[in-house]
Amino acid sequence: MWPLYAAGFTTAFGAHGIAANLGSQTGDLRSSLLYLGVLLALYDGAELVLKPVFGSIADRVGTRPVLIGGLIAFAAASAVFVVVDDPSWLWPARLGQGAGASAFSPAASALVARMHPKAKQGKAFGSYGFYKSIGYTLGPLLGGAIVWVGGLSLLFAVMTVLALGVAVWAMCAVPSIPPLPRTRQTLVDLARRLSEGAFLRPTVALAASTAALSVGVGFLPVSGAAAGLGPVATGAAVSVLAATAAVIQPRAGRALDAGRLSARTGIAAGLVITAIGLGCAMLPGLAGVLLAAVGIGIGTGLITPLGFATLAASTPPERMGQTMGAAELGRELGDAGGPLLVAGVAAAATLTVGYAALAVLIAAVPAAVARRPRHRVTTTEG
């Protein structure tokens, strides 16, 4: 499991370490919130298109080669920016990183599910989420320090070394789990399975929480800068968000496995708390940034392990990569859509109104996801 934890850390550290420092390092971004939103969405746009594809490939050829190949691609894209050292190359570099992450992220999630029985998947995804949240935590803070020392080029160099190191570690330690026999599936069968409530409800909740997380990482630094905070202090404040999520996720997963918390109740509570956190971002000054970070962190910390454990429990093992890739697609819609929504509203009004718009949308989600799903038994053939 340790290389999988490291892979989760890598994508989180790279994505949020860079995202949290874009606004303070590139002059054009300071003058255009809409441009910042688009650049933040670039990484997620690549994942949006490719994660379901790589998830299905993992089911066909095995998850281990897709995991390793994605890490190598992520390292290569990072290395290109180091060599060129030109801010205009942020676009292709972030697209390349997103393409690599779209391979190894769903592969890692599928391996977590395949390597644990259903009764322990809450704890498994809680632990995986914990180390991923450590990456979210250190990304803005340590990323800010690295950028302060050597600029964005040095941060991309660190990402190159990290991704290559994890790829080598995965080659040595991750077991080769062969793909399982699968029944023939048509596009109609796939659409029917992905339109069922057992898939849609946790996926919508994951998308909403990821939208709030992405907005928190990308725009709370803007609010912090408006309050007079420097890059390192802003990164530290935003890291509170991920640190809170890191503390909550393993506890939520263990509570689910022990029967102390139902997925339905925990996800609904997480959505409400996330909306409250976004509401706190509307408050001026450092207090607003910190309260928003804590609220969003608690909410996403509840939703993430419960959502993925629910998906894993309702998915046939031979389709695990496909389901995780499709669920990650929903998350990337939130990851890209959240910043674009807030940026668009902020460009037309103010950033405060942008936070309010997303808070209202997320607050409306529990009414849809809190309904008790109809349980059914899934059977497979051959």
Protein backbone atom coordinates (compact mmCIF):
# COMPACT_ATOMS: atom_id res chain seq x y z
CA MET A 1 0.00 0.00 0.00
CA TRP A 2 2.85 2.46 0.65
CA PRO A 3 3.59 3.21 -3.03
CA LEU A 4 -0.16 3.80 -3.52
CA TYR A 5 -0.13 6.25 -0.62
CA ALA A 6 2.89 7.92 -2.24
CA ALA A 7 1.10 8.11 -5.59
CA GLY A 8 -1.87 9.81 -3.94
CA PHE A 9 0.50 12.21 -2.22
CA THR A 10 2.23 12.97 -5.54
CA THR A 11 -0.88 14.01 -7.44
CA ALA A 12 -2.18 16.07 -4.50
CA PHE A 13 1.15 17.78 -3.80
CA GLY A 14 1.76 18.55 -7.46
CA ALA A 15 -1.73 19.78 -8.23
CA HIS A 16 -2.23 22.00 -5.19
CA GLY A 17 1.37 23.02 -4.64
CA ILE A 18 1.41 24.56 -8.11
CA ALA A 19 -2.19 25.82 -8.08
CA ALA A 20 -1.78 27.66 -4.78
CA ASN A 21 1.25 29.57 -6.12
CA LEU A 22 0.09 30.51 -9.61
CA GLY A 23 -1.61 33.72 -8.54
CA SER A 24 1.39 35.06 -6.67
CA GLN A 25 4.04 34.21 -9.25
CA THR A 26 2.61 35.21 -12.63
CA GLY A 27 1.75 38.84 -13.20
CA ASP A 28 -1.12 38.22 -15.61
CA LEU A 29 -2.86 36.05 -13.04
CA ARG A 30 -2.92 38.83 -10.48
CA SER A 31 -4.92 41.03 -12.81
CA SER A 32 -7.37 38.40 -14.06
CA LEU A 33 -9.33 36.06 -11.81
CA LEU A 34 -10.94 34.56 -14.91
CA TYR A 35 -7.52 33.67 -16.36
CA LEU A 36 -6.56 32.08 -13.05
CA GLY A 37 -9.74 30.02 -13.08
CA VAL A 38 -9.03 28.77 -16.60
CA LEU A 39 -5.44 27.83 -15.77
CA LEU A 40 -6.56 26.03 -12.61
CA ALA A 41 -9.10 24.11 -14.70
CA LEU A 42 -6.52 23.05 -17.32
CA TYR A 43 -5.02 20.27 -15.18
CA ASP A 44 -8.49 18.98 -14.37
CA GLY A 45 -9.66 19.29 -17.96
CA ALA A 46 -7.08 16.72 -19.05
CA GLU A 47 -8.19 14.40 -16.24
CA LEU A 48 -11.83 15.01 -17.13
CA VAL A 49 -11.34 13.50 -20.58
CA LEU A 50 -8.82 10.77 -19.83
CA LYS A 51 -9.60 9.27 -16.42
CA PRO A 52 -12.51 7.08 -17.59
CA VAL A 53 -10.37 5.93 -20.53
CA PHE A 54 -7.43 4.91 -18.35
CA GLY A 55 -9.78 3.35 -15.79
CA SER A 56 -11.16 1.03 -18.48
CA ILE A 57 -7.64 0.30 -19.76
CA ALA A 58 -6.63 -0.70 -16.23
CA ASP A 59 -9.45 -3.25 -16.14
CA ARG A 60 -8.17 -4.72 -19.41
CA VAL A 61 -4.38 -4.79 -18.96
CA GLY A 62 -4.03 -4.57 -15.18
CA THR A 63 -3.78 -1.63 -12.80
CA ARG A 64 -0.05 -1.82 -12.04
CA PRO A 65 1.26 -0.90 -15.54
CA VAL A 66 -1.24 1.97 -15.80
CA LEU A 67 -0.11 3.24 -12.38
CA ILE A 68 3.57 3.17 -13.31
CA GLY A 69 3.07 4.60 -16.80
CA GLY A 70 1.03 7.51 -15.47
CA LEU A 71 3.71 8.41 -12.94
CA ILE A 72 6.40 8.40 -15.64
CA ALA A 73 4.24 10.61 -17.89
CA PHE A 74 3.66 13.03 -14.99
CA ALA A 75 7.42 13.25 -14.41
CA ALA A 76 8.10 13.85 -18.11
CA ALA A 77 5.60 16.72 -18.31
CA SER A 78 7.14 18.31 -15.22
CA ALA A 79 10.64 17.96 -16.65
CA VAL A 80 9.63 19.76 -19.87
CA PHE A 81 8.77 22.93 -17.94
CA VAL A 82 12.06 22.72 -16.02
CA VAL A 83 14.04 22.57 -19.26
CA VAL A 84 12.11 25.35 -21.01
CA ASP A 85 11.68 27.57 -17.90
CA ASP A 86 9.14 29.83 -19.62
CA PRO A 87 5.80 30.84 -17.95
CA SER A 88 4.03 30.53 -21.29
CA TRP A 89 4.74 26.78 -21.12
CA LEU A 90 2.56 26.41 -18.02
CA TRP A 91 -0.32 25.46 -20.33
CA PRO A 92 1.25 22.35 -21.95
CA ALA A 93 3.04 21.40 -18.72
CA ARG A 94 -0.16 21.41 -16.69
CA LEU A 95 -2.01 19.54 -19.44
CA GLY A 96 0.74 16.90 -19.47
CA GLN A 97 0.68 16.56 -15.69
CA GLY A 98 -3.09 16.17 -15.81
CA ALA A 99 -2.79 13.44 -18.45
CA GLY A 100 -0.31 11.52 -16.29
CA ALA A 101 -2.45 11.90 -13.19
CA SER A 102 -5.50 10.71 -15.13
CA ALA A 103 -3.72 7.36 -15.51
CA PHE A 104 -2.19 6.70 -12.12
CA SER A 105 -4.93 8.21 -9.93
CA PRO A 106 -7.83 5.85 -10.87
CA ALA A 107 -5.37 2.95 -11.05
CA ALA A 108 -4.31 3.63 -7.46
CA SER A 109 -7.95 3.85 -6.30
CA ALA A 110 -8.79 0.57 -8.04
CA LEU A 111 -5.79 -1.12 -6.41
CA VAL A 112 -6.91 0.10 -2.99
CA ALA A 113 -10.32 -1.48 -3.59
CA ARG A 114 -8.95 -4.73 -5.06
CA MET A 115 -6.46 -5.24 -2.21
CA HIS A 116 -9.04 -4.97 0.60
CA PRO A 117 -12.29 -6.81 1.42
CA LYS A 118 -15.49 -4.78 1.29
CA ALA A 119 -15.80 -4.75 5.09
CA LYS A 120 -12.48 -2.87 5.40
CA GLN A 121 -12.71 -0.49 2.45
CA GLY A 122 -13.83 2.44 4.58
CA LYS A 123 -10.57 2.29 6.53
CA ALA A 124 -8.58 1.60 3.35
CA PHE A 125 -9.89 4.64 1.51
CA GLY A 126 -9.64 6.70 4.69
CA SER A 127 -5.94 5.87 4.95
CA TYR A 128 -5.39 6.52 1.25
CA GLY A 129 -7.21 9.82 1.60
CA PHE A 130 -5.11 10.69 4.65
CA TYR A 131 -1.84 10.53 2.73
CA LYS A 132 -3.39 12.30 -0.22
CA SER A 133 -4.50 15.05 2.15
CA ILE A 134 -0.94 15.28 3.46
CA GLY A 135 -0.01 16.17 -0.11
CA TYR A 136 -2.75 18.77 -0.19
CA THR A 137 -1.46 20.09 3.15
CA LEU A 138 2.20 20.33 2.20
CA GLY A 139 1.49 21.47 -1.36
CA PRO A 140 0.54 25.09 -0.67
CA LEU A 141 2.93 25.43 2.29
CA LEU A 142 6.04 23.65 1.04
CA GLY A 143 5.27 24.67 -2.53
CA GLY A 144 5.24 28.31 -1.46
CA ALA A 145 8.61 27.88 0.22
CA ILE A 146 10.09 26.15 -2.86
CA VAL A 147 8.78 28.86 -5.17
CA TRP A 148 10.18 31.52 -2.86
CA VAL A 149 13.63 29.88 -3.12
CA GLY A 150 13.73 29.03 -6.82
CA GLY A 151 10.50 29.95 -8.57
CA LEU A 152 8.02 27.67 -10.31
CA SER A 153 10.82 25.96 -12.22
CA LEU A 154 12.26 24.54 -9.00
CA LEU A 155 8.82 23.32 -7.92
CA PHE A 156 8.40 21.48 -11.23
CA ALA A 157 11.87 19.97 -10.76
CA VAL A 158 10.85 18.65 -7.35
CA MET A 159 7.74 17.12 -8.94
CA THR A 160 9.87 15.42 -11.58
CA VAL A 161 12.08 13.73 -9.00
CA LEU A 162 9.13 12.80 -6.76
CA ALA A 163 7.08 11.19 -9.55
CA LEU A 164 10.05 9.21 -10.87
CA GLY A 165 10.90 8.02 -7.37
CA VAL A 166 7.36 6.79 -6.75
CA ALA A 167 7.30 5.06 -10.15
CA VAL A 168 10.46 3.10 -9.29
CA TRP A 169 9.04 2.27 -5.84
CA ALA A 170 5.82 1.00 -7.44
CA MET A 171 7.81 -1.19 -9.83
CA CYS A 172 9.54 -2.82 -6.87
CA ALA A 173 6.71 -3.11 -4.33
CA VAL A 174 3.23 -3.05 -5.89
CA PRO A 175 1.96 -6.58 -6.60
CA SER A 176 0.78 -7.49 -10.06
CA ILE A 177 -2.96 -8.13 -9.77
CA PRO A 178 -4.20 -9.69 -13.00
CA PRO A 179 -7.39 -8.36 -14.59
CA LEU A 180 -10.50 -10.43 -13.89
CA PRO A 181 -12.65 -12.07 -16.57
CA ARG A 182 -15.45 -9.75 -17.63
CA THR A 183 -18.77 -10.21 -19.31
CA ARG A 184 -19.33 -8.31 -22.53
CA GLN A 185 -20.62 -4.80 -21.87
CA THR A 186 -22.29 -2.53 -24.41
CA LEU A 187 -22.44 1.25 -24.23
CA VAL A 188 -26.07 0.90 -23.17
CA ASP A 189 -25.05 -1.40 -20.28
CA LEU A 190 -22.39 1.09 -19.20
CA ALA A 191 -24.80 4.02 -19.36
CA ARG A 192 -27.38 2.09 -17.36
CA ARG A 193 -24.87 1.17 -14.64
CA LEU A 194 -23.51 4.70 -14.35
CA SER A 195 -27.00 6.20 -14.19
CA GLU A 196 -28.05 4.16 -11.16
CA GLY A 197 -28.39 5.90 -7.81
CA ALA A 198 -25.70 3.69 -6.25
CA PHE A 199 -23.20 5.39 -8.58
CA LEU A 200 -24.71 8.84 -9.06
CA ARG A 201 -25.33 9.79 -5.42
CA PRO A 202 -21.77 9.33 -4.10
CA THR A 203 -20.29 10.69 -7.34
CA VAL A 204 -22.31 13.91 -7.19
CA ALA A 205 -21.27 14.36 -3.57
CA LEU A 206 -17.61 13.77 -4.49
CA ALA A 207 -17.88 16.30 -7.32
CA ALA A 208 -19.38 18.93 -4.99
CA SER A 209 -16.71 18.43 -2.34
CA THR A 210 -13.92 18.56 -4.93
CA ALA A 211 -15.32 21.79 -6.36
CA ALA A 212 -15.13 23.36 -2.90
CA LEU A 213 -11.63 21.97 -2.34
CA SER A 214 -10.35 23.32 -5.65
CA VAL A 215 -11.88 26.73 -5.01
CA GLY A 216 -10.39 26.78 -1.53
CA VAL A 217 -6.89 26.01 -2.78
CA GLY A 218 -7.09 28.34 -5.77
CA PHE A 219 -8.98 31.34 -4.40
CA LEU A 220 -8.43 31.43 -0.65
CA PRO A 221 -4.84 32.59 -1.43
CA VAL A 222 -6.41 35.48 -3.36
CA SER A 223 -8.51 36.36 -0.32
CA GLY A 224 -5.43 36.01 1.86
CA ALA A 225 -3.42 38.32 -0.39
CA ALA A 226 -6.23 40.88 -0.17
CA ALA A 227 -5.90 40.65 3.63
CA GLY A 228 -2.18 41.44 3.39
CA LEU A 229 -0.79 37.90 3.79
CA GLY A 230 2.40 36.88 1.97
CA PRO A 231 2.80 33.72 -0.18
CA VAL A 232 4.16 31.50 2.62
CA ALA A 233 1.59 32.71 5.15
CA THR A 234 -1.19 32.27 2.61
CA GLY A 235 0.03 28.76 1.82
CA ALA A 236 0.09 27.93 5.52
CA ALA A 237 -3.47 29.19 5.97
CA VAL A 238 -4.73 27.16 3.01
CA SER A 239 -2.84 24.09 4.29
CA VAL A 240 -5.18 24.12 7.28
CA LEU A 241 -7.88 22.96 4.86
CA ALA A 242 -5.99 19.86 3.79
CA ALA A 243 -4.67 19.16 7.29
CA THR A 244 -8.22 19.14 8.62
CA ALA A 245 -9.31 16.77 5.85
CA ALA A 246 -6.32 14.52 6.61
CA VAL A 247 -7.38 14.20 10.24
CA ILE A 248 -11.05 13.53 9.44
CA GLN A 249 -10.74 10.99 6.61
CA PRO A 250 -9.30 7.95 8.47
CA ARG A 251 -11.74 8.49 11.35
CA ALA A 252 -14.70 8.69 8.98
CA GLY A 253 -13.60 5.50 7.22
CA ARG A 254 -13.19 3.57 10.47
CA ALA A 255 -16.57 4.81 11.72
CA LEU A 256 -18.18 3.55 8.50
CA ASP A 257 -16.59 0.07 8.82
CA ALA A 258 -17.61 -0.16 12.50
CA GLY A 259 -21.21 0.81 11.75
CA ARG A 260 -21.05 3.97 13.87
CA LEU A 261 -21.70 6.16 10.82
CA SER A 262 -23.78 5.48 7.72
CA ALA A 263 -22.55 6.67 4.35
CA ARG A 264 -25.83 8.44 3.67
CA THR A 265 -25.73 10.47 6.90
CA GLY A 266 -22.01 11.20 6.75
CA ILE A 267 -22.09 12.41 3.13
CA ALA A 268 -25.11 14.66 3.76
CA ALA A 269 -23.46 16.17 6.84
CA GLY A 270 -20.23 16.70 4.91
CA LEU A 271 -22.02 18.62 2.17
CA VAL A 272 -23.74 20.93 4.66
CA ILE A 273 -20.47 21.62 6.50
CA THR A 274 -18.69 22.30 3.19
CA ALA A 275 -21.33 24.86 2.21
CA ILE A 276 -20.95 26.55 5.61
CA GLY A 277 -17.18 26.69 5.07
CA LEU A 278 -17.64 28.45 1.73
CA GLY A 279 -19.97 30.88 3.46
CA CYS A 280 -17.19 31.66 5.95
CA ALA A 281 -14.90 32.54 3.01
CA MET A 282 -17.13 35.58 2.50
CA LEU A 283 -15.89 37.01 5.82
CA PRO A 284 -13.07 39.54 5.48
CA GLY A 285 -9.51 39.04 6.67
CA LEU A 286 -7.53 36.13 8.09
CA ALA A 287 -10.46 34.86 10.18
CA GLY A 288 -12.56 34.26 7.08
CA VAL A 289 -9.75 32.35 5.35
CA LEU A 290 -9.09 30.11 8.37
CA LEU A 291 -12.76 29.39 9.12
CA ALA A 292 -13.37 28.56 5.45
CA ALA A 293 -10.36 26.25 5.40
CA VAL A 294 -11.54 24.35 8.48
CA GLY A 295 -15.14 24.05 7.25
CA ILE A 296 -14.20 22.87 3.76
CA GLY A 297 -11.63 20.49 5.26
CA ILE A 298 -14.13 18.85 7.62
CA GLY A 299 -16.75 18.52 4.88
CA THR A 300 -14.45 17.02 2.26
CA GLY A 301 -12.84 14.80 4.90
CA LEU A 302 -16.22 13.22 5.57
CA ILE A 303 -17.37 12.90 1.97
CA THR A 304 -14.25 11.49 0.29
CA PRO A 305 -13.71 8.12 2.07
CA LEU A 306 -17.45 7.49 2.46
CA GLY A 307 -18.11 8.23 -1.20
CA PHE A 308 -15.34 5.99 -2.53
CA ALA A 309 -16.12 3.16 -0.11
CA THR A 310 -19.76 3.28 -1.21
CA LEU A 311 -18.73 3.08 -4.87
CA ALA A 312 -16.31 0.20 -4.25
CA ALA A 313 -18.92 -1.78 -2.30
CA SER A 314 -21.45 -1.55 -5.14
CA THR A 315 -19.04 -2.34 -8.01
CA PRO A 316 -18.13 -5.77 -9.45
CA PRO A 317 -14.35 -6.27 -8.94
CA GLU A 318 -13.73 -6.76 -12.66
CA ARG A 319 -15.17 -3.28 -13.36
CA MET A 320 -13.42 -1.49 -10.51
CA GLY A 321 -11.07 0.54 -12.71
CA GLN A 322 -13.92 1.66 -14.94
CA THR A 323 -16.05 2.72 -11.97
CA MET A 324 -13.19 4.57 -10.27
CA GLY A 325 -12.31 6.29 -13.53
CA ALA A 326 -15.92 7.35 -14.07
CA ALA A 327 -16.20 8.55 -10.47
CA GLU A 328 -12.97 10.51 -10.90
CA LEU A 329 -14.58 12.03 -13.99
CA GLY A 330 -17.34 13.36 -11.75
CA ARG A 331 -14.74 14.73 -9.35
CA GLU A 332 -12.88 16.45 -12.18
CA LEU A 333 -16.11 18.08 -13.33
CA GLY A 334 -16.30 19.58 -9.86
CA ASP A 335 -12.57 20.31 -9.78
CA ALA A 336 -12.74 22.22 -13.06
CA GLY A 337 -16.26 23.59 -12.71
CA GLY A 338 -15.82 25.01 -9.22
CA PRO A 339 -13.01 27.44 -10.10
CA LEU A 340 -14.67 28.37 -13.39
CA LEU A 341 -17.98 29.13 -11.65
CA VAL A 342 -16.39 31.22 -8.91
CA ALA A 343 -14.09 32.99 -11.38
CA GLY A 344 -16.95 33.77 -13.75
CA VAL A 345 -19.16 35.16 -10.99
CA ALA A 346 -16.21 37.08 -9.53
CA ALA A 347 -15.44 38.63 -12.91
CA ALA A 348 -19.06 39.81 -13.17
CA ALA A 349 -19.44 40.82 -9.51
CA THR A 350 -16.96 40.09 -6.68
CA LEU A 351 -15.08 37.09 -5.32
CA THR A 352 -17.37 37.13 -2.28
CA VAL A 353 -20.39 36.64 -4.53
CA GLY A 354 -18.53 33.81 -6.26
CA TYR A 355 -18.07 32.00 -2.94
CA ALA A 356 -21.77 32.52 -2.19
CA ALA A 357 -22.87 31.05 -5.52
CA LEU A 358 -20.94 27.82 -4.99
CA ALA A 359 -22.08 27.58 -1.36
CA VAL A 360 -25.72 27.75 -2.43
CA LEU A 361 -25.23 25.03 -5.04
CA ILE A 362 -23.50 22.67 -2.61
CA ALA A 363 -26.09 23.34 0.10
CA ALA A 364 -28.76 22.12 -2.34
CA VAL A 365 -27.02 18.80 -3.03
CA PRO A 366 -27.93 16.94 0.21
CA ALA A 367 -31.60 16.95 -0.76
CA ALA A 368 -30.65 14.80 -3.76
CA VAL A 369 -28.01 12.52 -2.21
CA ALA A 370 -29.49 11.97 1.26
CA ARG A 371 -32.34 9.77 0.04
CA ARG A 372 -31.90 6.16 1.06
CA PRO A 373 -30.77 4.20 -1.98
CA ARG A 374 -32.50 1.03 -3.05
CA HIS A 375 -30.17 -1.89 -2.35
CA ARG A 376 -29.74 -4.61 -4.92
CA VAL A 377 -27.43 -7.58 -5.37
CA THR A 378 -25.00 -7.36 -8.26
CA THR A 379 -24.14 -10.63 -9.98
CA THR A 380 -21.47 -11.35 -12.55
CA GLU A 381 -20.87 -14.13 -15.02
CA GLY A 382 -17.80 -15.90 -16.28
